[in-house]
Amino acid sequence: MENPKINETDNPIAELINDDVYSLLVSRGLIDEKSVRDYLIRKKFKDLRSKKISASNAIETLREEYPYLQFDTIRKIVYQPRN
């Protein structure tokens, strides 16, 4: 399955940087789309867990949103230590 690209006009990290800065960084190739995707996955996982959803059900919910990722891949993303 094809990996959906992050659209330059949609700022998925608006809580971190404003839209203009995000657009500029994307236009210059300075945004790592995989890192943004992983950040969003960790954030959604944390939100699901705060709603008392089990870890495995939260990962399955994320798999529905990211069907090109396997269960273990999402598990590694949400549990990997951040650098």
PDB file of N, CA and C in Angstrom:
ATOM      1  N   MET A   1       0.822  -1.181   0.000  1.00  0.00           N
ATOM      2  CA  MET A   1       0.000   0.000   0.000  1.00  0.00           C
ATOM      3  C   MET A   1       0.872   1.253   0.000  1.00  0.00           C
ATOM      4  N   GLU A   2       0.398   2.281  -0.632  1.00  0.00           N
ATOM      5  CA  GLU A   2       1.183   3.499  -0.776  1.00  0.00           C
ATOM      6  C   GLU A   2       1.176   4.316   0.512  1.00  0.00           C
ATOM      7  N   ASN A   3       2.314   4.880   0.824  1.00  0.00           N
ATOM      8  CA  ASN A   3       2.463   5.728   2.000  1.00  0.00           C
ATOM      9  C   ASN A   3       1.922   7.115   1.677  1.00  0.00           C
ATOM     10  N   PRO A   4       0.870   7.571   2.374  1.00  0.00           N
ATOM     11  CA  PRO A   4       0.352   8.901   2.065  1.00  0.00           C
ATOM     12  C   PRO A   4       1.367   9.972   2.437  1.00  0.00           C
ATOM     13  N   LYS A   5       1.574  10.918   1.536  1.00  0.00           N
ATOM     14  CA  LYS A   5       2.515  12.005   1.775  1.00  0.00           C
ATOM     15  C   LYS A   5       1.858  13.074   2.631  1.00  0.00           C
ATOM     16  N   ILE A   6       2.668  13.735   3.414  1.00  0.00           N
ATOM     17  CA  ILE A   6       2.186  14.856   4.211  1.00  0.00           C
ATOM     18  C   ILE A   6       2.014  16.032   3.270  1.00  0.00           C
ATOM     19  N   ASN A   7       0.839  16.598   3.243  1.00  0.00           N
ATOM     20  CA  ASN A   7       0.525  17.709   2.356  1.00  0.00           C
ATOM     21  C   ASN A   7       1.139  18.989   2.910  1.00  0.00           C
ATOM     22  N   GLU A   8       1.739  19.761   2.031  1.00  0.00           N
ATOM     23  CA  GLU A   8       2.399  20.999   2.442  1.00  0.00           C
ATOM     24  C   GLU A   8       1.418  21.970   3.102  1.00  0.00           C
ATOM     25  N   THR A   9       0.158  21.949   2.687  1.00  0.00           N
ATOM     26  CA  THR A   9      -0.819  22.898   3.222  1.00  0.00           C
ATOM     27  C   THR A   9      -1.428  22.427   4.538  1.00  0.00           C
ATOM     28  N   ASP A  10      -1.316  21.155   4.859  1.00  0.00           N
ATOM     29  CA  ASP A  10      -1.849  20.620   6.111  1.00  0.00           C
ATOM     30  C   ASP A  10      -0.719  20.491   7.119  1.00  0.00           C
ATOM     31  N   ASN A  11      -0.805  21.244   8.185  1.00  0.00           N
ATOM     32  CA  ASN A  11       0.247  21.236   9.193  1.00  0.00           C
ATOM     33  C   ASN A  11      -0.153  20.265  10.306  1.00  0.00           C
ATOM     34  N   PRO A  12       0.384  19.045  10.288  1.00  0.00           N
ATOM     35  CA  PRO A  12       0.022  18.065  11.310  1.00  0.00           C
ATOM     36  C   PRO A  12       0.670  18.334  12.669  1.00  0.00           C
ATOM     37  N   ILE A  13       1.601  19.269  12.708  1.00  0.00           N
ATOM     38  CA  ILE A  13       2.267  19.581  13.975  1.00  0.00           C
ATOM     39  C   ILE A  13       2.039  21.046  14.348  1.00  0.00           C
ATOM     40  N   ALA A  14       0.809  21.483  14.146  1.00  0.00           N
ATOM     41  CA  ALA A  14       0.458  22.886  14.393  1.00  0.00           C
ATOM     42  C   ALA A  14       0.681  23.302  15.847  1.00  0.00           C
ATOM     43  N   GLU A  15       0.627  22.349  16.762  1.00  0.00           N
ATOM     44  CA  GLU A  15       0.867  22.695  18.165  1.00  0.00           C
ATOM     45  C   GLU A  15       2.343  22.967  18.449  1.00  0.00           C
ATOM     46  N   LEU A  16       3.205  22.639  17.495  1.00  0.00           N
ATOM     47  CA  LEU A  16       4.642  22.854  17.664  1.00  0.00           C
ATOM     48  C   LEU A  16       5.163  24.046  16.865  1.00  0.00           C
ATOM     49  N   ILE A  17       4.712  24.171  15.607  1.00  0.00           N
ATOM     50  CA  ILE A  17       5.153  25.275  14.755  1.00  0.00           C
ATOM     51  C   ILE A  17       3.961  25.799  13.951  1.00  0.00           C
ATOM     52  N   ASN A  18       4.034  27.077  13.586  1.00  0.00           N
ATOM     53  CA  ASN A  18       2.907  27.646  12.847  1.00  0.00           C
ATOM     54  C   ASN A  18       2.917  27.178  11.389  1.00  0.00           C
ATOM     55  N   ASP A  19       1.805  27.430  10.699  1.00  0.00           N
ATOM     56  CA  ASP A  19       1.618  26.939   9.337  1.00  0.00           C
ATOM     57  C   ASP A  19       2.646  27.504   8.355  1.00  0.00           C
ATOM     58  N   ASP A  20       2.983  28.767   8.508  1.00  0.00           N
ATOM     59  CA  ASP A  20       3.945  29.381   7.591  1.00  0.00           C
ATOM     60  C   ASP A  20       5.323  28.739   7.712  1.00  0.00           C
ATOM     61  N   VAL A  21       5.758  28.518   8.927  1.00  0.00           N
ATOM     62  CA  VAL A  21       7.063  27.882   9.142  1.00  0.00           C
ATOM     63  C   VAL A  21       7.033  26.455   8.610  1.00  0.00           C
ATOM     64  N   TYR A  22       5.942  25.747   8.895  1.00  0.00           N
ATOM     65  CA  TYR A  22       5.821  24.367   8.408  1.00  0.00           C
ATOM     66  C   TYR A  22       5.895  24.324   6.877  1.00  0.00           C
ATOM     67  N   SER A  23       5.140  25.201   6.213  1.00  0.00           N
ATOM     68  CA  SER A  23       5.142  25.243   4.740  1.00  0.00           C
ATOM     69  C   SER A  23       6.536  25.547   4.201  1.00  0.00           C
ATOM     70  N   LEU A  24       7.225  26.468   4.838  1.00  0.00           N
ATOM     71  CA  LEU A  24       8.579  26.814   4.410  1.00  0.00           C
ATOM     72  C   LEU A  24       9.522  25.616   4.556  1.00  0.00           C
ATOM     73  N   LEU A  25       9.440  24.940   5.700  1.00  0.00           N
ATOM     74  CA  LEU A  25      10.306  23.779   5.930  1.00  0.00           C
ATOM     75  C   LEU A  25      10.006  22.662   4.938  1.00  0.00           C
ATOM     76  N   VAL A  26       8.723  22.410   4.661  1.00  0.00           N
ATOM     77  CA  VAL A  26       8.358  21.377   3.689  1.00  0.00           C
ATOM     78  C   VAL A  26       8.862  21.750   2.306  1.00  0.00           C
ATOM     79  N   SER A  27       8.689  23.004   1.920  1.00  0.00           N
ATOM     80  CA  SER A  27       9.103  23.437   0.580  1.00  0.00           C
ATOM     81  C   SER A  27      10.609  23.314   0.384  1.00  0.00           C
ATOM     82  N   ARG A  28      11.356  23.380   1.458  1.00  0.00           N
ATOM     83  CA  ARG A  28      12.824  23.260   1.372  1.00  0.00           C
ATOM     84  C   ARG A  28      13.315  21.840   1.655  1.00  0.00           C
ATOM     85  N   GLY A  29      12.362  20.928   1.873  1.00  0.00           N
ATOM     86  CA  GLY A  29      12.735  19.532   2.107  1.00  0.00           C
ATOM     87  C   GLY A  29      13.350  19.288   3.467  1.00  0.00           C
ATOM     88  N   LEU A  30      12.989  20.104   4.441  1.00  0.00           N
ATOM     89  CA  LEU A  30      13.596  19.998   5.772  1.00  0.00           C
ATOM     90  C   LEU A  30      12.712  19.283   6.792  1.00  0.00           C
ATOM     91  N   ILE A  31      11.563  18.795   6.362  1.00  0.00           N
ATOM     92  CA  ILE A  31      10.678  18.052   7.265  1.00  0.00           C
ATOM     93  C   ILE A  31      10.808  16.569   6.927  1.00  0.00           C
ATOM     94  N   ASP A  32      11.130  15.772   7.922  1.00  0.00           N
ATOM     95  CA  ASP A  32      11.207  14.322   7.750  1.00  0.00           C
ATOM     96  C   ASP A  32       9.805  13.763   7.960  1.00  0.00           C
ATOM     97  N   GLU A  33       9.153  13.350   6.866  1.00  0.00           N
ATOM     98  CA  GLU A  33       7.769  12.901   6.921  1.00  0.00           C
ATOM     99  C   GLU A  33       7.589  11.693   7.842  1.00  0.00           C
ATOM    100  N   LYS A  34       8.558  10.808   7.860  1.00  0.00           N
ATOM    101  CA  LYS A  34       8.467   9.619   8.725  1.00  0.00           C
ATOM    102  C   LYS A  34       8.483  10.028  10.200  1.00  0.00           C
ATOM    103  N   SER A  35       9.309  10.972  10.551  1.00  0.00           N
ATOM    104  CA  SER A  35       9.364  11.436  11.935  1.00  0.00           C
ATOM    105  C   SER A  35       8.072  12.125  12.351  1.00  0.00           C
ATOM    106  N   VAL A  36       7.486  12.894  11.440  1.00  0.00           N
ATOM    107  CA  VAL A  36       6.201  13.542  11.730  1.00  0.00           C
ATOM    108  C   VAL A  36       5.127  12.477  11.910  1.00  0.00           C
ATOM    109  N   ARG A  37       5.105  11.483  11.013  1.00  0.00           N
ATOM    110  CA  ARG A  37       4.138  10.386  11.130  1.00  0.00           C
ATOM    111  C   ARG A  37       4.298   9.667  12.471  1.00  0.00           C
ATOM    112  N   ASP A  38       5.525   9.356  12.848  1.00  0.00           N
ATOM    113  CA  ASP A  38       5.771   8.656  14.111  1.00  0.00           C
ATOM    114  C   ASP A  38       5.346   9.506  15.300  1.00  0.00           C
ATOM    115  N   TYR A  39       5.589  10.806  15.236  1.00  0.00           N
ATOM    116  CA  TYR A  39       5.150  11.716  16.297  1.00  0.00           C
ATOM    117  C   TYR A  39       3.636  11.664  16.440  1.00  0.00           C
ATOM    118  N   LEU A  40       2.927  11.707  15.311  1.00  0.00           N
ATOM    119  CA  LEU A  40       1.465  11.671  15.346  1.00  0.00           C
ATOM    120  C   LEU A  40       0.950  10.336  15.874  1.00  0.00           C
ATOM    121  N   ILE A  41       1.617   9.247  15.507  1.00  0.00           N
ATOM    122  CA  ILE A  41       1.229   7.931  16.003  1.00  0.00           C
ATOM    123  C   ILE A  41       1.406   7.870  17.515  1.00  0.00           C
ATOM    124  N   ARG A  42       2.544   8.349  18.020  1.00  0.00           N
ATOM    125  CA  ARG A  42       2.766   8.342  19.478  1.00  0.00           C
ATOM    126  C   ARG A  42       1.729   9.198  20.197  1.00  0.00           C
ATOM    127  N   LYS A  43       1.408  10.344  19.622  1.00  0.00           N
ATOM    128  CA  LYS A  43       0.427  11.244  20.229  1.00  0.00           C
ATOM    129  C   LYS A  43      -0.963  10.593  20.272  1.00  0.00           C
ATOM    130  N   LYS A  44      -1.375   9.982  19.163  1.00  0.00           N
ATOM    131  CA  LYS A  44      -2.689   9.328  19.109  1.00  0.00           C
ATOM    132  C   LYS A  44      -2.731   8.130  20.055  1.00  0.00           C
ATOM    133  N   PHE A  45      -1.623   7.393  20.142  1.00  0.00           N
ATOM    134  CA  PHE A  45      -1.557   6.248  21.051  1.00  0.00           C
ATOM    135  C   PHE A  45      -1.735   6.722  22.489  1.00  0.00           C
ATOM    136  N   LYS A  46      -1.039   7.788  22.842  1.00  0.00           N
ATOM    137  CA  LYS A  46      -1.147   8.335  24.196  1.00  0.00           C
ATOM    138  C   LYS A  46      -2.587   8.775  24.492  1.00  0.00           C
ATOM    139  N   ASP A  47      -3.221   9.418  23.511  1.00  0.00           N
ATOM    140  CA  ASP A  47      -4.615   9.849  23.678  1.00  0.00           C
ATOM    141  C   ASP A  47      -5.547   8.652  23.876  1.00  0.00           C
ATOM    142  N   LEU A  48      -5.355   7.613  23.078  1.00  0.00           N
ATOM    143  CA  LEU A  48      -6.192   6.417  23.206  1.00  0.00           C
ATOM    144  C   LEU A  48      -5.986   5.754  24.565  1.00  0.00           C
ATOM    145  N   ARG A  49      -4.745   5.661  25.005  1.00  0.00           N
ATOM    146  CA  ARG A  49      -4.459   5.035  26.306  1.00  0.00           C
ATOM    147  C   ARG A  49      -5.042   5.848  27.453  1.00  0.00           C
ATOM    148  N   SER A  50      -5.088   7.179  27.297  1.00  0.00           N
ATOM    149  CA  SER A  50      -5.666   8.019  28.357  1.00  0.00           C
ATOM    150  C   SER A  50      -7.168   7.810  28.462  1.00  0.00           C
ATOM    151  N   LYS A  51      -7.775   7.259  27.411  1.00  0.00           N
ATOM    152  CA  LYS A  51      -9.209   6.940  27.426  1.00  0.00           C
ATOM    153  C   LYS A  51      -9.458   5.509  27.898  1.00  0.00           C
ATOM    154  N   LYS A  52      -8.449   4.913  28.525  1.00  0.00           N
ATOM    155  CA  LYS A  52      -8.528   3.566  29.093  1.00  0.00           C
ATOM    156  C   LYS A  52      -8.688   2.467  28.044  1.00  0.00           C
ATOM    157  N   ILE A  53      -8.206   2.719  26.831  1.00  0.00           N
ATOM    158  CA  ILE A  53      -8.202   1.695  25.786  1.00  0.00           C
ATOM    159  C   ILE A  53      -6.927   0.883  25.951  1.00  0.00           C
ATOM    160  N   SER A  54      -7.051  -0.440  25.861  1.00  0.00           N
ATOM    161  CA  SER A  54      -5.871  -1.290  26.047  1.00  0.00           C
ATOM    162  C   SER A  54      -4.832  -0.978  24.973  1.00  0.00           C
ATOM    163  N   ALA A  55      -3.582  -1.287  25.291  1.00  0.00           N
ATOM    164  CA  ALA A  55      -2.492  -1.001  24.361  1.00  0.00           C
ATOM    165  C   ALA A  55      -2.696  -1.733  23.044  1.00  0.00           C
ATOM    166  N   SER A  56      -3.085  -3.000  23.099  1.00  0.00           N
ATOM    167  CA  SER A  56      -3.268  -3.751  21.851  1.00  0.00           C
ATOM    168  C   SER A  56      -4.428  -3.196  21.035  1.00  0.00           C
ATOM    169  N   ASN A  57      -5.515  -2.791  21.685  1.00  0.00           N
ATOM    170  CA  ASN A  57      -6.638  -2.188  20.948  1.00  0.00           C
ATOM    171  C   ASN A  57      -6.256  -0.826  20.379  1.00  0.00           C
ATOM    172  N   ALA A  58      -5.458  -0.072  21.106  1.00  0.00           N
ATOM    173  CA  ALA A  58      -4.997   1.227  20.609  1.00  0.00           C
ATOM    174  C   ALA A  58      -4.130   1.032  19.367  1.00  0.00           C
ATOM    175  N   ILE A  59      -3.263   0.032  19.391  1.00  0.00           N
ATOM    176  CA  ILE A  59      -2.409  -0.246  18.237  1.00  0.00           C
ATOM    177  C   ILE A  59      -3.262  -0.696  17.055  1.00  0.00           C
ATOM    178  N   GLU A  60      -4.266  -1.522  17.306  1.00  0.00           N
ATOM    179  CA  GLU A  60      -5.156  -1.954  16.223  1.00  0.00           C
ATOM    180  C   GLU A  60      -5.917  -0.765  15.637  1.00  0.00           C
ATOM    181  N   THR A  61      -6.329   0.161  16.471  1.00  0.00           N
ATOM    182  CA  THR A  61      -7.000   1.369  15.984  1.00  0.00           C
ATOM    183  C   THR A  61      -6.062   2.169  15.092  1.00  0.00           C
ATOM    184  N   LEU A  62      -4.813   2.284  15.502  1.00  0.00           N
ATOM    185  CA  LEU A  62      -3.824   2.992  14.686  1.00  0.00           C
ATOM    186  C   LEU A  62      -3.541   2.257  13.379  1.00  0.00           C
ATOM    187  N   ARG A  63      -3.606   0.932  13.408  1.00  0.00           N
ATOM    188  CA  ARG A  63      -3.396   0.160  12.177  1.00  0.00           C
ATOM    189  C   ARG A  63      -4.485   0.447  11.154  1.00  0.00           C
ATOM    190  N   GLU A  64      -5.688   0.739  11.632  1.00  0.00           N
ATOM    191  CA  GLU A  64      -6.769   1.091  10.703  1.00  0.00           C
ATOM    192  C   GLU A  64      -6.461   2.411  10.006  1.00  0.00           C
ATOM    193  N   GLU A  65      -5.811   3.319  10.713  1.00  0.00           N
ATOM    194  CA  GLU A  65      -5.455   4.606  10.136  1.00  0.00           C
ATOM    195  C   GLU A  65      -4.191   4.519   9.277  1.00  0.00           C
ATOM    196  N   TYR A  66      -3.313   3.610   9.630  1.00  0.00           N
ATOM    197  CA  TYR A  66      -2.052   3.407   8.908  1.00  0.00           C
ATOM    198  C   TYR A  66      -1.961   1.943   8.477  1.00  0.00           C
ATOM    199  N   PRO A  67      -2.783   1.521   7.513  1.00  0.00           N
ATOM    200  CA  PRO A  67      -2.849   0.095   7.164  1.00  0.00           C
ATOM    201  C   PRO A  67      -1.568  -0.450   6.545  1.00  0.00           C
ATOM    202  N   TYR A  68      -0.687   0.401   6.089  1.00  0.00           N
ATOM    203  CA  TYR A  68       0.575  -0.048   5.501  1.00  0.00           C
ATOM    204  C   TYR A  68       1.613  -0.399   6.572  1.00  0.00           C
ATOM    205  N   LEU A  69       1.288  -0.140   7.852  1.00  0.00           N
ATOM    206  CA  LEU A  69       2.192  -0.493   8.952  1.00  0.00           C
ATOM    207  C   LEU A  69       1.689  -1.741   9.658  1.00  0.00           C
ATOM    208  N   GLN A  70       2.609  -2.606  10.026  1.00  0.00           N
ATOM    209  CA  GLN A  70       2.238  -3.810  10.753  1.00  0.00           C
ATOM    210  C   GLN A  70       2.126  -3.513  12.241  1.00  0.00           C
ATOM    211  N   PHE A  71       1.463  -4.403  12.952  1.00  0.00           N
ATOM    212  CA  PHE A  71       1.251  -4.260  14.393  1.00  0.00           C
ATOM    213  C   PHE A  71       2.575  -4.017  15.106  1.00  0.00           C
ATOM    214  N   ASP A  72       3.573  -4.850  14.817  1.00  0.00           N
ATOM    215  CA  ASP A  72       4.869  -4.722  15.496  1.00  0.00           C
ATOM    216  C   ASP A  72       5.577  -3.411  15.167  1.00  0.00           C
ATOM    217  N   THR A  73       5.375  -2.905  13.973  1.00  0.00           N
ATOM    218  CA  THR A  73       5.982  -1.629  13.594  1.00  0.00           C
ATOM    219  C   THR A  73       5.391  -0.503  14.432  1.00  0.00           C
ATOM    220  N   ILE A  74       4.078  -0.494  14.568  1.00  0.00           N
ATOM    221  CA  ILE A  74       3.432   0.538  15.389  1.00  0.00           C
ATOM    222  C   ILE A  74       3.841   0.375  16.851  1.00  0.00           C
ATOM    223  N   ARG A  75       3.927  -0.853  17.312  1.00  0.00           N
ATOM    224  CA  ARG A  75       4.354  -1.101  18.698  1.00  0.00           C
ATOM    225  C   ARG A  75       5.752  -0.532  18.927  1.00  0.00           C
ATOM    226  N   LYS A  76       6.653  -0.745  17.989  1.00  0.00           N
ATOM    227  CA  LYS A  76       8.013  -0.205  18.111  1.00  0.00           C
ATOM    228  C   LYS A  76       8.004   1.314  18.111  1.00  0.00           C
ATOM    229  N   ILE A  77       7.155   1.912  17.271  1.00  0.00           N
ATOM    230  CA  ILE A  77       7.073   3.376  17.217  1.00  0.00           C
ATOM    231  C   ILE A  77       6.613   3.939  18.552  1.00  0.00           C
ATOM    232  N   VAL A  78       5.578   3.363  19.139  1.00  0.00           N
ATOM    233  CA  VAL A  78       5.020   3.947  20.366  1.00  0.00           C
ATOM    234  C   VAL A  78       5.866   3.666  21.594  1.00  0.00           C
ATOM    235  N   TYR A  79       6.667   2.611  21.537  1.00  0.00           N
ATOM    236  CA  TYR A  79       7.478   2.266  22.713  1.00  0.00           C
ATOM    237  C   TYR A  79       8.961   2.586  22.562  1.00  0.00           C
ATOM    238  N   GLN A  80       9.383   3.063  21.388  1.00  0.00           N
ATOM    239  CA  GLN A  80      10.817   3.358  21.207  1.00  0.00           C
ATOM    240  C   GLN A  80      11.199   4.577  22.041  1.00  0.00           C
ATOM    241  N   PRO A  81      12.379   4.552  22.619  1.00  0.00           N
ATOM    242  CA  PRO A  81      12.822   5.746  23.353  1.00  0.00           C
ATOM    243  C   PRO A  81      13.123   6.860  22.371  1.00  0.00           C
ATOM    244  N   ARG A  82      12.727   8.063  22.722  1.00  0.00           N
ATOM    245  CA  ARG A  82      12.984   9.230  21.860  1.00  0.00           C
ATOM    246  C   ARG A  82      14.380   9.744  22.116  1.00  0.00           C
ATOM    247  N   ASN A  83      15.048  10.147  21.048  1.00  0.00           N
ATOM    248  CA  ASN A  83      16.422  10.665  21.172  1.00  0.00           C
ATOM    249  C   ASN A  83      16.429  12.109  21.569  1.00  0.00           C
TER     250      ASN A  83
END
